[in-house]
C-alpha atoms as a PDB file:
ATOM      1  CA  MET A   1     -73.664-176.744  20.970  1.00  0.00           C
ATOM      2  CA  GLU A   2     -76.183-177.240  18.188  1.00  0.00           C
ATOM      3  CA  LEU A   3     -79.634-178.813  18.153  1.00  0.00           C
ATOM      4  CA  ILE A   4     -77.938-182.178  17.723  1.00  0.00           C
ATOM      5  CA  SER A   5     -74.557-183.675  18.608  1.00  0.00           C
ATOM      6  CA  LYS A   6     -72.774-187.007  18.262  1.00  0.00           C
ATOM      7  CA  ASN A   7     -71.913-189.313  21.119  1.00  0.00           C
ATOM      8  CA  LEU A   8     -68.920-191.627  21.341  1.00  0.00           C
ATOM      9  CA  ASP A   9     -70.674-194.198  19.140  1.00  0.00           C
ATOM     10  CA  ASP A  10     -71.101-191.559  16.445  1.00  0.00           C
ATOM     11  CA  LYS A  11     -74.857-191.531  16.939  1.00  0.00           C
ATOM     12  CA  ILE A  12     -76.976-188.411  16.735  1.00  0.00           C
ATOM     13  CA  VAL A  13     -78.094-187.154  20.146  1.00  0.00           C
ATOM     14  CA  PHE A  14     -80.787-184.462  20.297  1.00  0.00           C
ATOM     15  CA  ARG A  15     -81.124-181.907  23.044  1.00  0.00           C
ATOM     16  CA  LYS A  16     -83.381-183.161  25.822  1.00  0.00           C
ATOM     17  CA  TYR A  17     -86.260-180.791  25.016  1.00  0.00           C
ATOM     18  CA  ILE A  18     -86.361-182.087  21.426  1.00  0.00           C
ATOM     19  CA  ALA A  19     -86.312-185.711  22.592  1.00  0.00           C
ATOM     20  CA  ASP A  20     -89.110-184.934  25.079  1.00  0.00           C
ATOM     21  CA  ALA A  21     -91.148-183.203  22.366  1.00  0.00           C
ATOM     22  CA  ALA A  22     -90.840-186.263  20.136  1.00  0.00           C
ATOM     23  CA  LYS A  23     -91.813-188.518  23.030  1.00  0.00           C
ATOM     24  CA  TYR A  24     -94.770-186.543  24.382  1.00  0.00           C
ATOM     25  CA  GLY A  25     -95.876-184.631  21.297  1.00  0.00           C
ATOM     26  CA  VAL A  26     -95.574-181.245  23.040  1.00  0.00           C
ATOM     27  CA  ILE A  27     -92.668-178.824  23.142  1.00  0.00           C
ATOM     28  CA  ASN A  28     -92.013-176.746  26.229  1.00  0.00           C
ATOM     29  CA  ASP A  29     -91.519-173.365  24.563  1.00  0.00           C
ATOM     30  CA  SER A  30     -90.972-171.643  27.927  1.00  0.00           C
ATOM     31  CA  ILE A  31     -87.313-172.657  27.708  1.00  0.00           C
ATOM     32  CA  PHE A  32     -86.864-170.109  24.921  1.00  0.00           C
ATOM     33  CA  ALA A  33     -88.178-167.194  27.000  1.00  0.00           C
ATOM     34  CA  ALA A  34     -85.654-165.087  28.907  1.00  0.00           C
ATOM     35  CA  ASP A  35     -87.122-163.774  32.163  1.00  0.00           C
ATOM     36  CA  LEU A  36     -84.888-161.123  33.700  1.00  0.00           C
ATOM     37  CA  SER A  37     -86.804-161.160  36.986  1.00  0.00           C
ATOM     38  CA  LYS A  38     -85.850-164.844  37.461  1.00  0.00           C
ATOM     39  CA  VAL A  39     -82.223-164.594  36.428  1.00  0.00           C
ATOM     40  CA  ASP A  40     -81.017-166.095  39.714  1.00  0.00           C
ATOM     41  CA  GLU A  41     -82.936-169.285  38.881  1.00  0.00           C
ATOM     42  CA  ILE A  42     -81.330-169.712  35.457  1.00  0.00           C
ATOM     43  CA  GLU A  43     -78.643-172.351  34.997  1.00  0.00           C
ATOM     44  CA  ALA A  44     -75.858-170.224  33.546  1.00  0.00           C
ATOM     45  CA  HIS A  45     -73.924-172.954  31.714  1.00  0.00           C
ATOM     46  CA  ASP A  46     -77.036-174.065  29.814  1.00  0.00           C
ATOM     47  CA  PHE A  47     -78.075-170.489  29.026  1.00  0.00           C
ATOM     48  CA  PHE A  48     -74.647-169.597  27.642  1.00  0.00           C
ATOM     49  CA  ASP A  49     -74.613-172.858  25.696  1.00  0.00           C
ATOM     50  CA  ARG A  50     -77.922-171.993  24.001  1.00  0.00           C
ATOM     51  CA  THR A  51     -76.943-168.410  23.197  1.00  0.00           C
ATOM     52  CA  GLU A  52     -75.294-167.530  19.912  1.00  0.00           C
ATOM     53  CA  MET A  53     -72.736-164.756  20.422  1.00  0.00           C
ATOM     54  CA  VAL A  54     -73.846-162.632  17.482  1.00  0.00           C
ATOM     55  CA  GLU A  55     -71.799-159.577  16.608  1.00  0.00           C
ATOM     56  CA  ASN A  56     -74.144-157.016  18.178  1.00  0.00           C
ATOM     57  CA  LEU A  57     -74.356-158.937  21.468  1.00  0.00           C
ATOM     58  CA  ARG A  58     -70.582-159.295  21.522  1.00  0.00           C
ATOM     59  CA  GLU A  59     -70.157-155.566  20.931  1.00  0.00           C
ATOM     60  CA  LEU A  60     -72.644-154.730  23.686  1.00  0.00           C
ATOM     61  CA  LEU A  61     -70.914-157.038  26.177  1.00  0.00           C
ATOM     62  CA  GLU A  62     -67.509-155.624  25.245  1.00  0.00           C
ATOM     63  CA  ASN A  63     -68.792-152.109  25.889  1.00  0.00           C
ATOM     64  CA  VAL A  64     -70.287-153.101  29.248  1.00  0.00           C
ATOM     65  CA  ILE A  65     -67.052-154.734  30.391  1.00  0.00           C
ATOM     66  CA  ARG A  66     -65.003-151.752  29.198  1.00  0.00           C
ATOM     67  CA  ARG A  67     -67.273-149.407  31.142  1.00  0.00           C
ATOM     68  CA  VAL A  68     -67.132-151.481  34.329  1.00  0.00           C
ATOM     69  CA  MET A  69     -63.331-151.446  34.042  1.00  0.00           C
ATOM     70  CA  GLY A  70     -63.380-147.638  33.756  1.00  0.00           C
ATOM     71  CA  LYS A  71     -62.158-147.626  30.159  1.00  0.00           C
ATOM     72  CA  SER A  72     -65.239-146.085  28.490  1.00  0.00           C
ATOM     73  CA  ASP A  73     -67.229-142.883  28.912  1.00  0.00           C
ATOM     74  CA  ARG A  74     -70.396-144.538  27.557  1.00  0.00           C
ATOM     75  CA  GLY A  75     -72.567-145.172  30.593  1.00  0.00           C
ATOM     76  CA  ALA A  76     -76.060-145.492  29.090  1.00  0.00           C
ATOM     77  CA  TYR A  77     -77.409-147.818  26.412  1.00  0.00           C
ATOM     78  CA  LEU A  78     -80.869-148.120  24.901  1.00  0.00           C
ATOM     79  CA  ILE A  79     -81.783-151.455  23.321  1.00  0.00           C
ATOM     80  CA  ASP A  80     -84.453-150.553  20.809  1.00  0.00           C
ATOM     81  CA  THR A  81     -86.072-153.409  18.899  1.00  0.00           C
ATOM     82  CA  VAL A  82     -89.340-155.168  18.137  1.00  0.00           C
ATOM     83  CA  MET A  83     -90.921-157.714  20.458  1.00  0.00           C
ATOM     84  CA  GLY A  84     -88.969-160.941  20.190  1.00  0.00           C
ATOM     85  CA  GLY A  85     -85.879-159.111  18.969  1.00  0.00           C
ATOM     86  CA  GLY A  86     -83.586-160.428  21.688  1.00  0.00           C
ATOM     87  CA  LYS A  87     -83.658-157.545  24.152  1.00  0.00           C
ATOM     88  CA  SER A  88     -84.601-159.568  27.255  1.00  0.00           C
ATOM     89  CA  HIS A  89     -82.226-162.366  26.278  1.00  0.00           C
ATOM     90  CA  SER A  90     -79.387-159.844  25.979  1.00  0.00           C
ATOM     91  CA  LEU A  91     -80.058-158.436  29.449  1.00  0.00           C
ATOM     92  CA  VAL A  92     -80.193-161.898  31.009  1.00  0.00           C
ATOM     93  CA  TYR A  93     -76.902-162.730  29.291  1.00  0.00           C
ATOM     94  CA  ILE A  94     -75.201-159.628  30.693  1.00  0.00           C
ATOM     95  CA  ALA A  95     -76.672-160.219  34.157  1.00  0.00           C
ATOM     96  CA  LEU A  96     -75.350-163.782  34.215  1.00  0.00           C
ATOM     97  CA  VAL A  97     -71.874-162.676  33.138  1.00  0.00           C
ATOM     98  CA  PHE A  98     -71.559-160.600  36.314  1.00  0.00           C
ATOM     99  CA  LYS A  99     -73.688-162.709  38.655  1.00  0.00           C
ATOM    100  CA  LYS A 100     -72.078-166.019  37.720  1.00  0.00           C
ATOM    101  CA  PRO A 101     -68.596-165.029  36.582  1.00  0.00           C
ATOM    102  CA  SER A 102     -67.032-168.490  36.890  1.00  0.00           C
ATOM    103  CA  ALA A 103     -69.555-169.893  34.398  1.00  0.00           C
ATOM    104  CA  ALA A 104     -69.043-166.888  32.140  1.00  0.00           C
ATOM    105  CA  ILE A 105     -65.254-166.955  32.014  1.00  0.00           C
ATOM    106  CA  ALA A 106     -65.397-170.658  31.133  1.00  0.00           C
ATOM    107  CA  ARG A 107     -66.892-169.664  27.782  1.00  0.00           C
ATOM    108  CA  SER A 108     -64.217-169.044  25.168  1.00  0.00           C
ATOM    109  CA  GLU A 109     -66.250-166.282  23.506  1.00  0.00           C
ATOM    110  CA  ILE A 110     -66.437-164.374  26.811  1.00  0.00           C
ATOM    111  CA  GLU A 111     -62.905-165.188  27.903  1.00  0.00           C
ATOM    112  CA  SER A 112     -61.563-163.704  24.661  1.00  0.00           C
ATOM    113  CA  ILE A 113     -63.321-160.400  25.388  1.00  0.00           C
ATOM    114  CA  VAL A 114     -61.872-160.235  28.903  1.00  0.00           C
ATOM    115  CA  LYS A 115     -58.371-161.136  27.737  1.00  0.00           C
ATOM    116  CA  ASN A 116     -58.457-158.267  25.256  1.00  0.00           C
ATOM    117  CA  TRP A 117     -58.062-156.091  28.355  1.00  0.00           C
ATOM    118  CA  GLU A 118     -55.324-158.250  29.872  1.00  0.00           C
ATOM    119  CA  ARG A 119     -57.567-159.730  32.534  1.00  0.00           C
ATOM    120  CA  ASP A 120     -58.196-163.333  33.460  1.00  0.00           C
ATOM    121  CA  SER A 121     -61.468-162.794  35.315  1.00  0.00           C
ATOM    122  CA  ILE A 122     -64.778-160.928  35.016  1.00  0.00           C
ATOM    123  CA  PRO A 123     -64.600-157.532  36.771  1.00  0.00           C
ATOM    124  CA  GLN A 124     -66.770-157.317  39.879  1.00  0.00           C
ATOM    125  CA  ALA A 125     -70.007-155.354  39.662  1.00  0.00           C
ATOM    126  CA  GLU A 126     -73.312-155.027  41.470  1.00  0.00           C
ATOM    127  CA  VAL A 127     -76.234-156.007  39.223  1.00  0.00           C
ATOM    128  CA  VAL A 128     -79.517-154.135  39.735  1.00  0.00           C
ATOM    129  CA  ILE A 129     -82.573-155.453  37.896  1.00  0.00           C
ATOM    130  CA  PHE A 130     -85.901-153.820  37.119  1.00  0.00           C
ATOM    131  CA  ASP A 131     -88.450-155.850  35.167  1.00  0.00           C
ATOM    132  CA  GLY A 132     -91.513-153.842  34.217  1.00  0.00           C
ATOM    133  CA  MET A 133     -93.555-156.979  33.545  1.00  0.00           C
ATOM    134  CA  VAL A 134     -93.544-157.957  37.215  1.00  0.00           C
ATOM    135  CA  ALA A 135     -92.990-154.593  38.943  1.00  0.00           C
ATOM    136  CA  ASP A 136     -95.855-153.401  41.156  1.00  0.00           C
ATOM    137  CA  ALA A 137     -97.409-150.490  39.235  1.00  0.00           C
ATOM    138  CA  ARG A 138     -98.886-149.122  42.460  1.00  0.00           C
ATOM    139  CA  VAL A 139     -95.356-148.287  43.601  1.00  0.00           C
ATOM    140  CA  LYS A 140     -93.413-145.269  42.357  1.00  0.00           C
ATOM    141  CA  LEU A 141     -90.246-145.951  40.408  1.00  0.00           C
ATOM    142  CA  ILE A 142     -88.140-144.372  43.148  1.00  0.00           C
ATOM    143  CA  GLU A 143     -89.716-146.709  45.724  1.00  0.00           C
ATOM    144  CA  GLN A 144     -89.257-149.946  43.785  1.00  0.00           C
ATOM    145  CA  PRO A 145     -87.365-152.495  45.945  1.00  0.00           C
ATOM    146  CA  THR A 146     -84.273-152.721  43.728  1.00  0.00           C
ATOM    147  CA  LEU A 147     -84.044-148.965  43.125  1.00  0.00           C
ATOM    148  CA  SER A 148     -85.150-147.175  46.284  1.00  0.00           C
ATOM    149  CA  LYS A 149     -81.732-147.004  47.966  1.00  0.00           C
ATOM    150  CA  TYR A 150     -80.310-145.052  45.043  1.00  0.00           C
ATOM    151  CA  PHE A 151     -82.891-142.314  45.666  1.00  0.00           C
ATOM    152  CA  SER A 152     -82.619-142.437  49.461  1.00  0.00           C
ATOM    153  CA  GLN A 153     -80.429-139.326  49.697  1.00  0.00           C
ATOM    154  CA  GLY A 154     -82.660-137.258  47.439  1.00  0.00           C
ATOM    155  CA  LEU A 155     -83.912-136.999  43.865  1.00  0.00           C
ATOM    156  CA  GLY A 156     -81.162-134.780  42.452  1.00  0.00           C
ATOM    157  CA  LYS A 157     -78.542-136.145  40.075  1.00  0.00           C
ATOM    158  CA  ASP A 158     -75.643-135.555  42.462  1.00  0.00           C
ATOM    159  CA  GLN A 159     -77.481-137.235  45.325  1.00  0.00           C
ATOM    160  CA  VAL A 160     -78.324-140.277  43.207  1.00  0.00           C
ATOM    161  CA  LYS A 161     -74.741-140.433  41.942  1.00  0.00           C
ATOM    162  CA  ARG A 162     -73.461-140.371  45.525  1.00  0.00           C
ATOM    163  CA  SER A 163     -75.729-143.295  46.426  1.00  0.00           C
ATOM    164  CA  ILE A 164     -74.417-145.289  43.453  1.00  0.00           C
ATOM    165  CA  GLU A 165     -70.809-144.605  44.348  1.00  0.00           C
ATOM    166  CA  GLU A 166     -71.402-145.754  47.916  1.00  0.00           C
ATOM    167  CA  GLU A 167     -71.647-149.306  46.558  1.00  0.00           C
ATOM    168  CA  ARG A 168     -67.816-149.171  46.314  1.00  0.00           C
ATOM    169  CA  LYS A 169     -67.948-151.072  43.034  1.00  0.00           C
ATOM    170  CA  PRO A 170     -69.525-150.474  39.615  1.00  0.00           C
ATOM    171  CA  VAL A 171     -73.279-150.937  39.339  1.00  0.00           C
ATOM    172  CA  VAL A 172     -74.851-152.487  36.244  1.00  0.00           C
ATOM    173  CA  PHE A 173     -78.495-151.353  36.004  1.00  0.00           C
ATOM    174  CA  LEU A 174     -80.654-153.518  33.722  1.00  0.00           C
ATOM    175  CA  PHE A 175     -84.157-152.275  32.875  1.00  0.00           C
ATOM    176  CA  ASP A 176     -86.493-154.521  30.891  1.00  0.00           C
ATOM    177  CA  GLU A 177     -90.077-153.778  29.801  1.00  0.00           C
ATOM    178  CA  ILE A 178     -90.022-150.277  31.282  1.00  0.00           C
ATOM    179  CA  LEU A 179     -92.839-149.188  28.944  1.00  0.00           C
ATOM    180  CA  THR A 180     -95.125-151.905  30.322  1.00  0.00           C
ATOM    181  CA  TYR A 181     -94.636-150.510  33.810  1.00  0.00           C
ATOM    182  CA  LEU A 182     -95.103-146.885  32.731  1.00  0.00           C
ATOM    183  CA  ALA A 183     -98.302-147.703  30.829  1.00  0.00           C
ATOM    184  CA  LYS A 184     -99.839-149.014  34.062  1.00  0.00           C
ATOM    185  CA  ARG A 185     -98.780-145.936  36.014  1.00  0.00           C
ATOM    186  CA  GLU A 186    -101.422-143.790  34.240  1.00  0.00           C
ATOM    187  CA  ASP A 187    -101.290-140.205  35.578  1.00  0.00           C
ATOM    188  CA  TYR A 188     -98.009-140.756  37.439  1.00  0.00           C
ATOM    189  CA  TRP A 189     -95.789-141.957  34.610  1.00  0.00           C
ATOM    190  CA  GLU A 190     -94.399-138.502  33.821  1.00  0.00           C
ATOM    191  CA  ALA A 191     -92.855-138.249  37.288  1.00  0.00           C
ATOM    192  CA  ASP A 192     -91.416-141.746  36.931  1.00  0.00           C
ATOM    193  CA  VAL A 193     -89.823-140.863  33.592  1.00  0.00           C
ATOM    194  CA  ALA A 194     -88.309-137.712  35.111  1.00  0.00           C
ATOM    195  CA  ASN A 195     -86.780-139.746  37.926  1.00  0.00           C
ATOM    196  CA  LEU A 196     -85.545-142.360  35.475  1.00  0.00           C
ATOM    197  CA  ARG A 197     -83.833-139.638  33.491  1.00  0.00           C
ATOM    198  CA  THR A 198     -82.120-138.470  36.677  1.00  0.00           C
ATOM    199  CA  LEU A 199     -80.893-142.015  37.269  1.00  0.00           C
ATOM    200  CA  ILE A 200     -79.584-142.287  33.694  1.00  0.00           C
ATOM    201  CA  GLU A 201     -77.691-139.013  34.005  1.00  0.00           C
ATOM    202  CA  ALA A 202     -76.323-139.942  37.441  1.00  0.00           C
ATOM    203  CA  VAL A 203     -75.076-143.303  36.174  1.00  0.00           C
ATOM    204  CA  ALA A 204     -73.530-141.639  33.132  1.00  0.00           C
ATOM    205  CA  ASP A 205     -71.672-139.218  35.403  1.00  0.00           C
ATOM    206  CA  THR A 206     -69.964-142.037  37.289  1.00  0.00           C
ATOM    207  CA  LYS A 207     -66.695-143.510  36.070  1.00  0.00           C
ATOM    208  CA  GLN A 208     -67.666-147.177  35.879  1.00  0.00           C
ATOM    209  CA  SER A 209     -71.393-147.796  36.371  1.00  0.00           C
ATOM    210  CA  ILE A 210     -73.719-148.415  33.448  1.00  0.00           C
ATOM    211  CA  ILE A 211     -77.446-148.518  32.710  1.00  0.00           C
ATOM    212  CA  ILE A 212     -79.107-150.477  29.898  1.00  0.00           C
ATOM    213  CA  ILE A 213     -82.794-149.978  29.092  1.00  0.00           C
ATOM    214  CA  THR A 214     -84.880-151.961  26.623  1.00  0.00           C
ATOM    215  CA  LEU A 215     -87.713-150.607  24.501  1.00  0.00           C
ATOM    216  CA  ALA A 216     -90.093-152.433  22.188  1.00  0.00           C
ATOM    217  CA  ASN A 217     -90.753-150.106  19.260  1.00  0.00           C
ATOM    218  CA  ASN A 218     -94.142-151.632  18.514  1.00  0.00           C
ATOM    219  CA  SER A 219     -95.325-150.907  22.030  1.00  0.00           C
ATOM    220  CA  VAL A 220     -98.857-149.692  22.736  1.00  0.00           C
ATOM    221  CA  ASN A 221     -97.252-147.054  24.982  1.00  0.00           C
ATOM    222  CA  GLN A 222     -96.162-144.802  22.136  1.00  0.00           C
ATOM    223  CA  ARG A 223     -95.874-141.701  24.327  1.00  0.00           C
ATOM    224  CA  GLY A 224     -93.518-143.483  26.688  1.00  0.00           C
ATOM    225  CA  TYR A 225     -91.504-144.859  23.774  1.00  0.00           C
ATOM    226  CA  ASP A 226     -91.110-141.423  22.209  1.00  0.00           C
ATOM    227  CA  ARG A 227     -90.114-139.881  25.536  1.00  0.00           C
ATOM    228  CA  MET A 228     -87.426-142.473  26.217  1.00  0.00           C
ATOM    229  CA  LYS A 229     -85.996-142.079  22.714  1.00  0.00           C
ATOM    230  CA  SER A 230     -85.954-138.327  23.254  1.00  0.00           C
ATOM    231  CA  ILE A 231     -84.079-138.651  26.545  1.00  0.00           C
ATOM    232  CA  PHE A 232     -81.337-140.721  24.956  1.00  0.00           C
ATOM    233  CA  GLY A 233     -81.136-138.285  22.082  1.00  0.00           C
ATOM    234  CA  GLU A 234     -80.619-135.398  24.482  1.00  0.00           C
ATOM    235  CA  ILE A 235     -77.805-137.127  26.371  1.00  0.00           C
ATOM    236  CA  LYS A 236     -76.085-138.445  23.271  1.00  0.00           C
ATOM    237  CA  ARG A 237     -72.662-137.595  24.679  1.00  0.00           C
ATOM    238  CA  VAL A 238     -73.031-140.605  26.962  1.00  0.00           C
ATOM    239  CA  GLY A 239     -76.002-142.494  25.570  1.00  0.00           C
ATOM    240  CA  SER A 240     -75.937-145.057  22.793  1.00  0.00           C
ATOM    241  CA  ILE A 241     -78.687-147.009  21.047  1.00  0.00           C
ATOM    242  CA  ARG A 242     -78.052-150.666  20.253  1.00  0.00           C
ATOM    243  CA  MET A 243     -79.902-153.427  18.445  1.00  0.00           C
ATOM    244  CA  PRO A 244     -79.202-156.762  20.177  1.00  0.00           C
ATOM    245  CA  GLN A 245     -79.214-158.744  16.952  1.00  0.00           C
ATOM    246  CA  ASP A 246     -79.215-158.264  13.205  1.00  0.00           C
ATOM    247  CA  PRO A 247     -82.543-159.715  11.996  1.00  0.00           C
ATOM    248  CA  THR A 248     -81.160-160.276   8.504  1.00  0.00           C
ATOM    249  CA  ASN A 249     -77.993-162.179   9.366  1.00  0.00           C
ATOM    250  CA  ASP A 250     -78.448-163.569  12.880  1.00  0.00           C
ATOM    251  CA  PHE A 251     -81.784-165.424  12.883  1.00  0.00           C
ATOM    252  CA  ALA A 252     -80.517-168.733  11.471  1.00  0.00           C
ATOM    253  CA  LYS A 253     -77.490-168.829  13.784  1.00  0.00           C
ATOM    254  CA  ILE A 254     -79.630-168.101  16.844  1.00  0.00           C
ATOM    255  CA  ALA A 255     -82.222-170.723  15.885  1.00  0.00           C
ATOM    256  CA  MET A 256     -79.533-173.380  15.480  1.00  0.00           C
ATOM    257  CA  LYS A 257     -78.195-172.664  18.975  1.00  0.00           C
ATOM    258  CA  GLN A 258     -81.595-173.199  20.585  1.00  0.00           C
END
């Protein structure tokens, strides 16, 4: 759906937020922000409707679905872009695909990806979310509410892998704004990064689970940014770096969808 559409009388009908902006003189720009920590509150049909399936997002989703189906050895992805480059939006999109599969499969652009693998439904997966913007920086990474059970058997890679596999279904880990969290951890961030690396390697060693981490490359936490890039470089056999959108070719299409 575009910014405008035509009703049965062939009249132009604007999206509600545009009509409200014209009426009240103020636009609610919060509708454009993608908040991963509030994904369960997002109306999936509307979110999918306002999202342009650009080529890079399609490729990322295809790779996630392939991994969850056990048809890919790529278990770790780094989304590296500038602020406002679509990283949070991409994670929300992927979360909604697995959290609200009936809404997702109703979209032709998603259905076509699934049918490429001779399926008629979204594969089941557990979605684990970490949003560094809202995470309590007083709490260690391994003790964060959504992550602690995966470190409950110990901090070694094999122990973390065992905890993941005990879910009995693939786990999709989505990390947004990790550098914001690490910057607030001050003297403890090195230990958090070490434990995060263990989690990345444990996920990569599974057959079907996947972890996606976003970085903003204009972040004030340059040390954290460099360290995360280094980690993905060292585990290149399973890690991959993705840009969620092509700033040259995708901007106009994305703007029209909003």
